[in-house]
């Protein structure tokens, strides 16, 4: 039986020019390259320049994805942007990207699920496309996390970076089998009991300020592998696949120890894990699309490959998406 699937047509990424290494950070905060690298796997991160916004980075990534797909902005009728660092409280930063691309039709909106944002955004776009409401979408993750970091807090400021990634997806008729291209299954979860484990200590209705990232690192780490493994198992089961079928595992790039733990629990070959955390650090909702872009550009991810994405973020939120490229 034929079904509509959300098929990936192109991907793109954008990273700011400024590179901030662990050695650079050690000059301004009480830390060392060894301390950061052994605990997180991070060696460097990118920092947005003055005037470089979530929207400008998102627009650049979107243009790269459109070029990769061989499409014009006017082919797009939906933009879903995942971000926790919008340009303004409102309007949604997605509409700024829409305007920057010269699109005056369709719809554009933001999704806020912190580091899980891209998984939530892709699942949202998938459901809109499968319903027939829209035909082609830009799904973007863009973050300027350097703007909400306390640079005196070595427990958080060493972890994050800035950047943007995007994919172009299109609704296509497929055979309705496990060999179909496109989004095959997804699972989203959240549990607000843990909202104080990873949060920003400001907001319009609470403090009237932007605030800074605050994190209970050991608690986040403790929950991460278990919750990630659970949602991956559920997604694979829904699609009728086993972990051994996965060609590429593209996780949220938060901490290499978390990635290694999840891979071990799944029994995945380390060679099949796409890792960019060493160069990008944690770019929150941008981390998965940036990793996808890196693996597509260097030829690892190819048409027909089975790609598993997963993430966990503040809230807690977590989720996974299985896609045949």
C-alpha atoms as a PDB file:
ATOM      1  CA  UNK A   1       0.000   0.000   0.000  1.00  0.00           C
ATOM      2  CA  UNK A   2       1.458   3.348  -1.045  1.00  0.00           C
ATOM      3  CA  UNK A   3       2.050   5.923   1.699  1.00  0.00           C
ATOM      4  CA  UNK A   4       3.369   9.456   1.918  1.00  0.00           C
ATOM      5  CA  UNK A   5       6.853   9.643   3.398  1.00  0.00           C
ATOM      6  CA  UNK A   6       8.964  12.645   4.365  1.00  0.00           C
ATOM      7  CA  UNK A   7      12.099  12.221   2.242  1.00  0.00           C
ATOM      8  CA  UNK A   8      15.355  14.135   2.791  1.00  0.00           C
ATOM      9  CA  UNK A   9      16.382  16.009  -0.356  1.00  0.00           C
ATOM     10  CA  UNK A  10      19.351  18.021   0.856  1.00  0.00           C
ATOM     11  CA  UNK A  11      21.270  19.183   3.902  1.00  0.00           C
ATOM     12  CA  UNK A  12      23.504  22.091   4.791  1.00  0.00           C
ATOM     13  CA  UNK A  13      25.316  23.669   7.686  1.00  0.00           C
ATOM     14  CA  UNK A  14      26.877  26.890   8.861  1.00  0.00           C
ATOM     15  CA  UNK A  15      29.580  27.517  11.473  1.00  0.00           C
ATOM     16  CA  UNK A  16      30.827  30.933  12.624  1.00  0.00           C
ATOM     17  CA  UNK A  17      34.420  31.742  11.679  1.00  0.00           C
ATOM     18  CA  UNK A  18      35.715  32.275  15.217  1.00  0.00           C
ATOM     19  CA  UNK A  19      37.244  29.146  16.758  1.00  0.00           C
ATOM     20  CA  UNK A  20      37.546  29.046  20.561  1.00  0.00           C
ATOM     21  CA  UNK A  21      39.861  26.258  21.708  1.00  0.00           C
ATOM     22  CA  UNK A  22      40.172  24.709  25.143  1.00  0.00           C
ATOM     23  CA  UNK A  23      43.521  26.454  25.475  1.00  0.00           C
ATOM     24  CA  UNK A  24      41.803  29.780  24.777  1.00  0.00           C
ATOM     25  CA  UNK A  25      39.241  29.067  27.484  1.00  0.00           C
ATOM     26  CA  UNK A  26      41.944  28.145  29.981  1.00  0.00           C
ATOM     27  CA  UNK A  27      43.160  31.755  29.781  1.00  0.00           C
ATOM     28  CA  UNK A  28      39.844  33.169  31.026  1.00  0.00           C
ATOM     29  CA  UNK A  29      38.341  30.465  33.260  1.00  0.00           C
ATOM     30  CA  UNK A  30      39.783  27.952  35.740  1.00  0.00           C
ATOM     31  CA  UNK A  31      40.070  24.936  33.431  1.00  0.00           C
ATOM     32  CA  UNK A  32      42.500  23.036  31.209  1.00  0.00           C
ATOM     33  CA  UNK A  33      42.398  21.319  27.847  1.00  0.00           C
ATOM     34  CA  UNK A  34      42.892  17.972  29.591  1.00  0.00           C
ATOM     35  CA  UNK A  35      40.036  18.619  32.050  1.00  0.00           C
ATOM     36  CA  UNK A  36      37.585  19.450  29.253  1.00  0.00           C
ATOM     37  CA  UNK A  37      38.715  16.835  26.731  1.00  0.00           C
ATOM     38  CA  UNK A  38      38.784  13.873  29.128  1.00  0.00           C
ATOM     39  CA  UNK A  39      35.312  14.635  30.499  1.00  0.00           C
ATOM     40  CA  UNK A  40      33.527  15.678  27.313  1.00  0.00           C
ATOM     41  CA  UNK A  41      35.617  14.923  24.207  1.00  0.00           C
ATOM     42  CA  UNK A  42      35.448  18.619  23.254  1.00  0.00           C
ATOM     43  CA  UNK A  43      38.564  20.294  21.831  1.00  0.00           C
ATOM     44  CA  UNK A  44      37.102  23.467  20.325  1.00  0.00           C
ATOM     45  CA  UNK A  45      33.873  25.266  19.492  1.00  0.00           C
ATOM     46  CA  UNK A  46      32.662  28.112  17.229  1.00  0.00           C
ATOM     47  CA  UNK A  47      31.470  31.452  18.588  1.00  0.00           C
ATOM     48  CA  UNK A  48      29.095  33.756  16.708  1.00  0.00           C
ATOM     49  CA  UNK A  49      30.445  37.199  15.850  1.00  0.00           C
ATOM     50  CA  UNK A  50      28.813  40.401  17.021  1.00  0.00           C
ATOM     51  CA  UNK A  51      25.718  40.900  14.885  1.00  0.00           C
ATOM     52  CA  UNK A  52      25.685  37.228  13.838  1.00  0.00           C
ATOM     53  CA  UNK A  53      22.274  36.025  14.950  1.00  0.00           C
ATOM     54  CA  UNK A  54      20.393  32.762  15.189  1.00  0.00           C
ATOM     55  CA  UNK A  55      18.435  33.897  12.121  1.00  0.00           C
ATOM     56  CA  UNK A  56      21.506  34.753  10.030  1.00  0.00           C
ATOM     57  CA  UNK A  57      23.145  31.417  10.818  1.00  0.00           C
ATOM     58  CA  UNK A  58      19.881  29.577  10.179  1.00  0.00           C
ATOM     59  CA  UNK A  59      19.403  31.352   6.852  1.00  0.00           C
ATOM     60  CA  UNK A  60      22.942  30.428   5.756  1.00  0.00           C
ATOM     61  CA  UNK A  61      22.365  26.757   6.648  1.00  0.00           C
ATOM     62  CA  UNK A  62      18.991  26.814   4.874  1.00  0.00           C
ATOM     63  CA  UNK A  63      20.537  28.222   1.696  1.00  0.00           C
ATOM     64  CA  UNK A  64      23.213  25.513   1.778  1.00  0.00           C
ATOM     65  CA  UNK A  65      20.539  22.821   2.178  1.00  0.00           C
ATOM     66  CA  UNK A  66      18.485  24.258  -0.689  1.00  0.00           C
ATOM     67  CA  UNK A  67      21.572  24.303  -2.920  1.00  0.00           C
ATOM     68  CA  UNK A  68      22.268  20.681  -2.005  1.00  0.00           C
ATOM     69  CA  UNK A  69      18.669  19.779  -2.861  1.00  0.00           C
ATOM     70  CA  UNK A  70      18.762  21.730  -6.117  1.00  0.00           C
ATOM     71  CA  UNK A  71      15.769  23.764  -5.015  1.00  0.00           C
ATOM     72  CA  UNK A  72      14.763  27.412  -4.877  1.00  0.00           C
ATOM     73  CA  UNK A  73      13.415  29.023  -1.686  1.00  0.00           C
ATOM     74  CA  UNK A  74      10.068  29.417  -3.449  1.00  0.00           C
ATOM     75  CA  UNK A  75       9.751  25.618  -3.517  1.00  0.00           C
ATOM     76  CA  UNK A  76       9.401  25.634   0.284  1.00  0.00           C
ATOM     77  CA  UNK A  77       6.018  26.034   1.951  1.00  0.00           C
ATOM     78  CA  UNK A  78       6.939  25.209   5.569  1.00  0.00           C
ATOM     79  CA  UNK A  79       9.815  26.233   7.837  1.00  0.00           C
ATOM     80  CA  UNK A  80      10.220  24.645  11.269  1.00  0.00           C
ATOM     81  CA  UNK A  81      13.094  26.111  13.268  1.00  0.00           C
ATOM     82  CA  UNK A  82      14.395  24.451  16.417  1.00  0.00           C
ATOM     83  CA  UNK A  83      16.091  26.947  18.731  1.00  0.00           C
ATOM     84  CA  UNK A  84      16.417  27.959  22.372  1.00  0.00           C
ATOM     85  CA  UNK A  85      18.168  31.210  21.469  1.00  0.00           C
ATOM     86  CA  UNK A  86      15.705  33.173  19.308  1.00  0.00           C
ATOM     87  CA  UNK A  87      16.628  36.583  17.950  1.00  0.00           C
ATOM     88  CA  UNK A  88      13.771  38.101  19.960  1.00  0.00           C
ATOM     89  CA  UNK A  89      11.123  36.918  22.412  1.00  0.00           C
ATOM     90  CA  UNK A  90       8.759  37.271  19.462  1.00  0.00           C
ATOM     91  CA  UNK A  91       8.155  37.034  16.577  1.00  0.00           C
ATOM     92  CA  UNK A  92       9.415  33.535  15.922  1.00  0.00           C
ATOM     93  CA  UNK A  93      12.906  33.559  14.427  1.00  0.00           C
ATOM     94  CA  UNK A  94      11.586  31.218  11.712  1.00  0.00           C
ATOM     95  CA  UNK A  95       9.639  34.085  10.157  1.00  0.00           C
ATOM     96  CA  UNK A  96      12.821  36.170   9.958  1.00  0.00           C
ATOM     97  CA  UNK A  97      14.490  33.312   8.099  1.00  0.00           C
ATOM     98  CA  UNK A  98      11.402  33.046   5.896  1.00  0.00           C
ATOM     99  CA  UNK A  99      11.677  36.741   5.034  1.00  0.00           C
ATOM    100  CA  UNK A 100      15.451  36.534   4.508  1.00  0.00           C
ATOM    101  CA  UNK A 101      14.864  33.746   1.996  1.00  0.00           C
ATOM    102  CA  UNK A 102      12.237  35.840   0.208  1.00  0.00           C
ATOM    103  CA  UNK A 103       9.404  33.399   0.941  1.00  0.00           C
ATOM    104  CA  UNK A 104       5.965  35.018   1.320  1.00  0.00           C
ATOM    105  CA  UNK A 105       3.752  31.931   1.260  1.00  0.00           C
ATOM    106  CA  UNK A 106       3.232  28.945   3.538  1.00  0.00           C
ATOM    107  CA  UNK A 107       4.041  28.968   7.245  1.00  0.00           C
ATOM    108  CA  UNK A 108       7.066  29.329   9.520  1.00  0.00           C
ATOM    109  CA  UNK A 109       7.360  28.796  13.265  1.00  0.00           C
ATOM    110  CA  UNK A 110       9.797  27.885  16.043  1.00  0.00           C
ATOM    111  CA  UNK A 111       9.963  24.720  18.142  1.00  0.00           C
ATOM    112  CA  UNK A 112      11.568  24.849  21.602  1.00  0.00           C
ATOM    113  CA  UNK A 113      12.783  21.542  23.040  1.00  0.00           C
ATOM    114  CA  UNK A 114      16.377  22.624  23.775  1.00  0.00           C
ATOM    115  CA  UNK A 115      18.905  20.006  22.634  1.00  0.00           C
ATOM    116  CA  UNK A 116      16.105  17.709  21.434  1.00  0.00           C
ATOM    117  CA  UNK A 117      14.752  20.513  19.268  1.00  0.00           C
ATOM    118  CA  UNK A 118      15.813  19.186  15.879  1.00  0.00           C
ATOM    119  CA  UNK A 119      14.251  15.764  16.542  1.00  0.00           C
ATOM    120  CA  UNK A 120      11.027  17.460  17.660  1.00  0.00           C
ATOM    121  CA  UNK A 121      11.101  19.807  14.642  1.00  0.00           C
ATOM    122  CA  UNK A 122      11.658  17.002  12.129  1.00  0.00           C
ATOM    123  CA  UNK A 123       8.877  14.933  13.677  1.00  0.00           C
ATOM    124  CA  UNK A 124       6.568  17.961  13.521  1.00  0.00           C
ATOM    125  CA  UNK A 125       7.389  18.624   9.870  1.00  0.00           C
ATOM    126  CA  UNK A 126       6.974  14.921   9.090  1.00  0.00           C
ATOM    127  CA  UNK A 127       3.442  14.902  10.434  1.00  0.00           C
ATOM    128  CA  UNK A 128       2.505  18.071   8.538  1.00  0.00           C
ATOM    129  CA  UNK A 129       3.873  16.674   5.281  1.00  0.00           C
ATOM    130  CA  UNK A 130       2.249  13.257   5.712  1.00  0.00           C
ATOM    131  CA  UNK A 131      -1.096  14.931   6.369  1.00  0.00           C
ATOM    132  CA  UNK A 132      -0.875  16.747   3.035  1.00  0.00           C
ATOM    133  CA  UNK A 133      -0.976  20.180   4.690  1.00  0.00           C
ATOM    134  CA  UNK A 134       2.400  21.090   3.167  1.00  0.00           C
ATOM    135  CA  UNK A 135       4.644  19.562   0.503  1.00  0.00           C
ATOM    136  CA  UNK A 136       8.223  20.741   1.096  1.00  0.00           C
ATOM    137  CA  UNK A 137       9.818  21.925   4.325  1.00  0.00           C
ATOM    138  CA  UNK A 138      13.007  23.358   5.694  1.00  0.00           C
ATOM    139  CA  UNK A 139      13.806  21.865   9.089  1.00  0.00           C
ATOM    140  CA  UNK A 140      16.479  23.955  10.782  1.00  0.00           C
ATOM    141  CA  UNK A 141      18.401  23.882  14.052  1.00  0.00           C
ATOM    142  CA  UNK A 142      20.176  27.145  14.853  1.00  0.00           C
ATOM    143  CA  UNK A 143      21.685  28.290  18.136  1.00  0.00           C
ATOM    144  CA  UNK A 144      23.707  31.195  19.548  1.00  0.00           C
ATOM    145  CA  UNK A 145      24.327  29.556  22.919  1.00  0.00           C
ATOM    146  CA  UNK A 146      27.377  31.718  23.602  1.00  0.00           C
ATOM    147  CA  UNK A 147      24.914  34.549  24.330  1.00  0.00           C
ATOM    148  CA  UNK A 148      23.379  32.706  27.306  1.00  0.00           C
ATOM    149  CA  UNK A 149      26.556  31.325  28.899  1.00  0.00           C
ATOM    150  CA  UNK A 150      28.044  32.435  32.195  1.00  0.00           C
ATOM    151  CA  UNK A 151      31.700  32.649  31.199  1.00  0.00           C
ATOM    152  CA  UNK A 152      32.740  32.359  34.858  1.00  0.00           C
ATOM    153  CA  UNK A 153      31.020  28.970  35.210  1.00  0.00           C
ATOM    154  CA  UNK A 154      33.471  26.360  33.956  1.00  0.00           C
ATOM    155  CA  UNK A 155      30.836  23.646  34.348  1.00  0.00           C
ATOM    156  CA  UNK A 156      28.773  25.082  31.484  1.00  0.00           C
ATOM    157  CA  UNK A 157      30.763  27.602  29.431  1.00  0.00           C
ATOM    158  CA  UNK A 158      33.187  24.936  28.185  1.00  0.00           C
ATOM    159  CA  UNK A 159      30.395  22.737  26.830  1.00  0.00           C
ATOM    160  CA  UNK A 160      28.555  24.816  24.245  1.00  0.00           C
ATOM    161  CA  UNK A 161      29.099  26.417  20.853  1.00  0.00           C
ATOM    162  CA  UNK A 162      27.214  28.215  18.090  1.00  0.00           C
ATOM    163  CA  UNK A 163      26.105  27.122  14.635  1.00  0.00           C
ATOM    164  CA  UNK A 164      23.235  26.020  12.422  1.00  0.00           C
ATOM    165  CA  UNK A 165      22.224  23.050  10.319  1.00  0.00           C
ATOM    166  CA  UNK A 166      19.275  22.384   8.035  1.00  0.00           C
ATOM    167  CA  UNK A 167      17.637  19.763   5.867  1.00  0.00           C
ATOM    168  CA  UNK A 168      15.132  20.040   3.038  1.00  0.00           C
ATOM    169  CA  UNK A 169      12.386  17.420   3.139  1.00  0.00           C
ATOM    170  CA  UNK A 170       9.609  16.633   0.679  1.00  0.00           C
ATOM    171  CA  UNK A 171       6.478  14.498   0.847  1.00  0.00           C
ATOM    172  CA  UNK A 172       6.791  11.597  -1.624  1.00  0.00           C
ATOM    173  CA  UNK A 173       4.726   8.495  -2.283  1.00  0.00           C
ATOM    174  CA  UNK A 174       6.565   5.329  -1.241  1.00  0.00           C
ATOM    175  CA  UNK A 175       5.656   1.634  -1.193  1.00  0.00           C
ATOM    176  CA  UNK A 176       4.764   1.521   2.486  1.00  0.00           C
ATOM    177  CA  UNK A 177       7.499  -0.984   3.345  1.00  0.00           C
ATOM    178  CA  UNK A 178      10.618  -0.941   5.520  1.00  0.00           C
ATOM    179  CA  UNK A 179      12.698  -0.288   2.397  1.00  0.00           C
ATOM    180  CA  UNK A 180      10.993   3.093   1.818  1.00  0.00           C
ATOM    181  CA  UNK A 181      13.080   6.243   1.801  1.00  0.00           C
ATOM    182  CA  UNK A 182      12.197   8.982   4.259  1.00  0.00           C
ATOM    183  CA  UNK A 183      11.147   9.154   7.905  1.00  0.00           C
ATOM    184  CA  UNK A 184      10.197   5.630   8.971  1.00  0.00           C
ATOM    185  CA  UNK A 185       9.474   6.164  12.667  1.00  0.00           C
ATOM    186  CA  UNK A 186       9.931   8.611  15.520  1.00  0.00           C
ATOM    187  CA  UNK A 187       9.305   8.824  19.255  1.00  0.00           C
ATOM    188  CA  UNK A 188       9.187  11.947  21.417  1.00  0.00           C
ATOM    189  CA  UNK A 189       9.236  12.102  25.212  1.00  0.00           C
ATOM    190  CA  UNK A 190       9.368  14.714  27.987  1.00  0.00           C
ATOM    191  CA  UNK A 191       9.243  14.757  31.772  1.00  0.00           C
ATOM    192  CA  UNK A 192       8.979  18.162  33.451  1.00  0.00           C
ATOM    193  CA  UNK A 193       9.911  16.803  36.876  1.00  0.00           C
ATOM    194  CA  UNK A 194      13.531  17.246  35.789  1.00  0.00           C
ATOM    195  CA  UNK A 195      13.240  20.797  34.462  1.00  0.00           C
ATOM    196  CA  UNK A 196      15.575  22.173  37.159  1.00  0.00           C
ATOM    197  CA  UNK A 197      18.445  19.870  36.133  1.00  0.00           C
ATOM    198  CA  UNK A 198      19.193  21.812  32.945  1.00  0.00           C
ATOM    199  CA  UNK A 199      17.666  25.246  32.507  1.00  0.00           C
ATOM    200  CA  UNK A 200      18.206  28.979  31.963  1.00  0.00           C
ATOM    201  CA  UNK A 201      17.757  31.101  35.079  1.00  0.00           C
ATOM    202  CA  UNK A 202      15.811  33.865  33.346  1.00  0.00           C
ATOM    203  CA  UNK A 203      12.811  34.568  31.157  1.00  0.00           C
ATOM    204  CA  UNK A 204      10.234  37.234  30.233  1.00  0.00           C
ATOM    205  CA  UNK A 205       7.584  36.182  32.761  1.00  0.00           C
ATOM    206  CA  UNK A 206       9.923  35.208  35.616  1.00  0.00           C
ATOM    207  CA  UNK A 207      12.889  37.587  35.829  1.00  0.00           C
ATOM    208  CA  UNK A 208      12.455  39.825  32.809  1.00  0.00           C
ATOM    209  CA  UNK A 209      16.021  38.948  31.830  1.00  0.00           C
ATOM    210  CA  UNK A 210      17.616  36.508  29.401  1.00  0.00           C
ATOM    211  CA  UNK A 211      19.497  34.583  32.091  1.00  0.00           C
ATOM    212  CA  UNK A 212      22.268  31.979  31.881  1.00  0.00           C
ATOM    213  CA  UNK A 213      22.472  28.231  31.362  1.00  0.00           C
ATOM    214  CA  UNK A 214      22.551  26.252  34.606  1.00  0.00           C
ATOM    215  CA  UNK A 215      23.098  22.504  34.749  1.00  0.00           C
ATOM    216  CA  UNK A 216      23.354  19.655  37.228  1.00  0.00           C
ATOM    217  CA  UNK A 217      25.856  17.751  35.111  1.00  0.00           C
ATOM    218  CA  UNK A 218      25.979  14.447  37.029  1.00  0.00           C
ATOM    219  CA  UNK A 219      22.164  14.195  37.055  1.00  0.00           C
ATOM    220  CA  UNK A 220      21.891  14.924  33.337  1.00  0.00           C
ATOM    221  CA  UNK A 221      24.554  12.307  32.605  1.00  0.00           C
ATOM    222  CA  UNK A 222      22.854   9.773  34.883  1.00  0.00           C
ATOM    223  CA  UNK A 223      19.539  10.019  33.049  1.00  0.00           C
ATOM    224  CA  UNK A 224      20.873  10.458  29.528  1.00  0.00           C
ATOM    225  CA  UNK A 225      21.976   6.963  28.488  1.00  0.00           C
ATOM    226  CA  UNK A 226      18.906   5.223  29.947  1.00  0.00           C
ATOM    227  CA  UNK A 227      16.381   7.621  28.451  1.00  0.00           C
ATOM    228  CA  UNK A 228      18.133   7.714  25.079  1.00  0.00           C
ATOM    229  CA  UNK A 229      18.316   3.909  24.896  1.00  0.00           C
ATOM    230  CA  UNK A 230      14.622   3.582  25.739  1.00  0.00           C
ATOM    231  CA  UNK A 231      13.444   5.927  23.026  1.00  0.00           C
ATOM    232  CA  UNK A 232      15.794   4.383  20.447  1.00  0.00           C
ATOM    233  CA  UNK A 233      14.427   0.911  21.213  1.00  0.00           C
ATOM    234  CA  UNK A 234      10.868   2.206  20.840  1.00  0.00           C
ATOM    235  CA  UNK A 235      11.636   3.889  17.511  1.00  0.00           C
ATOM    236  CA  UNK A 236      13.365   0.840  16.048  1.00  0.00           C
ATOM    237  CA  UNK A 237      10.542  -1.428  17.192  1.00  0.00           C
ATOM    238  CA  UNK A 238       7.956   0.865  15.619  1.00  0.00           C
ATOM    239  CA  UNK A 239       9.801   0.722  12.273  1.00  0.00           C
ATOM    240  CA  UNK A 240      10.490  -3.017  12.407  1.00  0.00           C
ATOM    241  CA  UNK A 241      14.271  -2.744  12.594  1.00  0.00           C
ATOM    242  CA  UNK A 242      17.045  -3.819  14.967  1.00  0.00           C
ATOM    243  CA  UNK A 243      20.058  -1.781  16.057  1.00  0.00           C
ATOM    244  CA  UNK A 244      22.250  -4.021  13.899  1.00  0.00           C
ATOM    245  CA  UNK A 245      20.424  -2.706  10.799  1.00  0.00           C
ATOM    246  CA  UNK A 246      21.553   0.894  11.370  1.00  0.00           C
ATOM    247  CA  UNK A 247      24.089   2.226   8.883  1.00  0.00           C
ATOM    248  CA  UNK A 248      24.755   5.502  10.720  1.00  0.00           C
ATOM    249  CA  UNK A 249      24.033   6.667  14.236  1.00  0.00           C
ATOM    250  CA  UNK A 250      23.839  10.477  14.387  1.00  0.00           C
ATOM    251  CA  UNK A 251      23.306  11.459  18.027  1.00  0.00           C
ATOM    252  CA  UNK A 252      23.039  14.846  19.639  1.00  0.00           C
ATOM    253  CA  UNK A 253      26.605  15.984  20.243  1.00  0.00           C
ATOM    254  CA  UNK A 254      26.609  16.734  23.969  1.00  0.00           C
ATOM    255  CA  UNK A 255      29.335  14.629  25.498  1.00  0.00           C
ATOM    256  CA  UNK A 256      31.432  11.840  23.987  1.00  0.00           C
ATOM    257  CA  UNK A 257      31.030   9.687  27.087  1.00  0.00           C
ATOM    258  CA  UNK A 258      27.235   9.808  26.669  1.00  0.00           C
ATOM    259  CA  UNK A 259      27.575   8.919  22.973  1.00  0.00           C
ATOM    260  CA  UNK A 260      29.884   6.008  23.754  1.00  0.00           C
ATOM    261  CA  UNK A 261      27.558   4.756  26.488  1.00  0.00           C
ATOM    262  CA  UNK A 262      24.510   4.828  24.227  1.00  0.00           C
ATOM    263  CA  UNK A 263      26.412   3.063  21.441  1.00  0.00           C
ATOM    264  CA  UNK A 264      27.597   0.313  23.820  1.00  0.00           C
ATOM    265  CA  UNK A 265      24.075  -0.209  25.120  1.00  0.00           C
ATOM    266  CA  UNK A 266      22.867  -0.609  21.511  1.00  0.00           C
ATOM    267  CA  UNK A 267      25.793  -2.811  20.542  1.00  0.00           C
ATOM    268  CA  UNK A 268      26.757  -0.401  17.730  1.00  0.00           C
ATOM    269  CA  UNK A 269      30.137  -0.405  16.036  1.00  0.00           C
ATOM    270  CA  UNK A 270      31.932   2.864  16.972  1.00  0.00           C
ATOM    271  CA  UNK A 271      32.793   3.270  13.278  1.00  0.00           C
ATOM    272  CA  UNK A 272      29.112   3.860  12.558  1.00  0.00           C
ATOM    273  CA  UNK A 273      28.760   6.809  14.966  1.00  0.00           C
ATOM    274  CA  UNK A 274      28.991  10.317  13.503  1.00  0.00           C
ATOM    275  CA  UNK A 275      30.903  12.437  16.026  1.00  0.00           C
ATOM    276  CA  UNK A 276      31.471  16.185  15.721  1.00  0.00           C
ATOM    277  CA  UNK A 277      31.454  17.151  19.404  1.00  0.00           C
ATOM    278  CA  UNK A 278      35.253  17.490  19.361  1.00  0.00           C
ATOM    279  CA  UNK A 279      35.093  20.322  16.797  1.00  0.00           C
ATOM    280  CA  UNK A 280      31.650  21.832  17.431  1.00  0.00           C
ATOM    281  CA  UNK A 281      31.004  21.202  21.153  1.00  0.00           C
ATOM    282  CA  UNK A 282      27.310  21.121  22.089  1.00  0.00           C
ATOM    283  CA  UNK A 283      25.389  23.304  19.633  1.00  0.00           C
ATOM    284  CA  UNK A 284      22.046  22.231  21.117  1.00  0.00           C
ATOM    285  CA  UNK A 285      19.349  21.973  18.424  1.00  0.00           C
ATOM    286  CA  UNK A 286      21.952  22.563  15.701  1.00  0.00           C
ATOM    287  CA  UNK A 287      24.149  19.594  16.619  1.00  0.00           C
ATOM    288  CA  UNK A 288      22.329  16.812  14.741  1.00  0.00           C
ATOM    289  CA  UNK A 289      21.861  18.686  11.435  1.00  0.00           C
ATOM    290  CA  UNK A 290      25.482  19.895  11.592  1.00  0.00           C
ATOM    291  CA  UNK A 291      26.618  16.287  12.090  1.00  0.00           C
ATOM    292  CA  UNK A 292      24.372  15.142   9.230  1.00  0.00           C
ATOM    293  CA  UNK A 293      25.883  17.797   6.975  1.00  0.00           C
ATOM    294  CA  UNK A 294      29.427  16.758   7.889  1.00  0.00           C
ATOM    295  CA  UNK A 295      28.716  13.078   7.197  1.00  0.00           C
ATOM    296  CA  UNK A 296      26.959  13.813   3.905  1.00  0.00           C
ATOM    297  CA  UNK A 297      29.717  16.108   2.663  1.00  0.00           C
ATOM    298  CA  UNK A 298      32.481  13.589   3.349  1.00  0.00           C
ATOM    299  CA  UNK A 299      30.517  10.777   1.696  1.00  0.00           C
ATOM    300  CA  UNK A 300      29.703   8.656   4.735  1.00  0.00           C
ATOM    301  CA  UNK A 301      25.927   9.022   4.558  1.00  0.00           C
ATOM    302  CA  UNK A 302      24.641   7.980   1.133  1.00  0.00           C
ATOM    303  CA  UNK A 303      21.243   7.544  -0.495  1.00  0.00           C
ATOM    304  CA  UNK A 304      19.547   4.454   0.876  1.00  0.00           C
ATOM    305  CA  UNK A 305      21.427   4.411   4.202  1.00  0.00           C
ATOM    306  CA  UNK A 306      19.462   3.835   7.389  1.00  0.00           C
ATOM    307  CA  UNK A 307      20.177   6.766   9.726  1.00  0.00           C
ATOM    308  CA  UNK A 308      19.182   6.923  13.384  1.00  0.00           C
ATOM    309  CA  UNK A 309      19.091  10.308  15.163  1.00  0.00           C
ATOM    310  CA  UNK A 310      18.533  10.858  18.876  1.00  0.00           C
ATOM    311  CA  UNK A 311      18.768  13.656  21.414  1.00  0.00           C
ATOM    312  CA  UNK A 312      18.077  14.604  25.001  1.00  0.00           C
ATOM    313  CA  UNK A 313      17.737  18.142  26.309  1.00  0.00           C
ATOM    314  CA  UNK A 314      16.481  20.339  29.095  1.00  0.00           C
ATOM    315  CA  UNK A 315      12.982  19.711  30.315  1.00  0.00           C
ATOM    316  CA  UNK A 316      13.868  16.857  30.206  1.00  0.00           C
ATOM    317  CA  UNK A 317      12.963  16.253  26.583  1.00  0.00           C
ATOM    318  CA  UNK A 318      14.248  13.361  24.488  1.00  0.00           C
ATOM    319  CA  UNK A 319      13.456  11.620  21.243  1.00  0.00           C
ATOM    320  CA  UNK A 320      14.644   9.638  18.241  1.00  0.00           C
ATOM    321  CA  UNK A 321      13.955   9.559  14.507  1.00  0.00           C
ATOM    322  CA  UNK A 322      14.783   6.784  12.029  1.00  0.00           C
ATOM    323  CA  UNK A 323      15.263   7.870   8.411  1.00  0.00           C
ATOM    324  CA  UNK A 324      16.225   6.038   5.250  1.00  0.00           C
ATOM    325  CA  UNK A 325      18.327   8.600   3.402  1.00  0.00           C
END
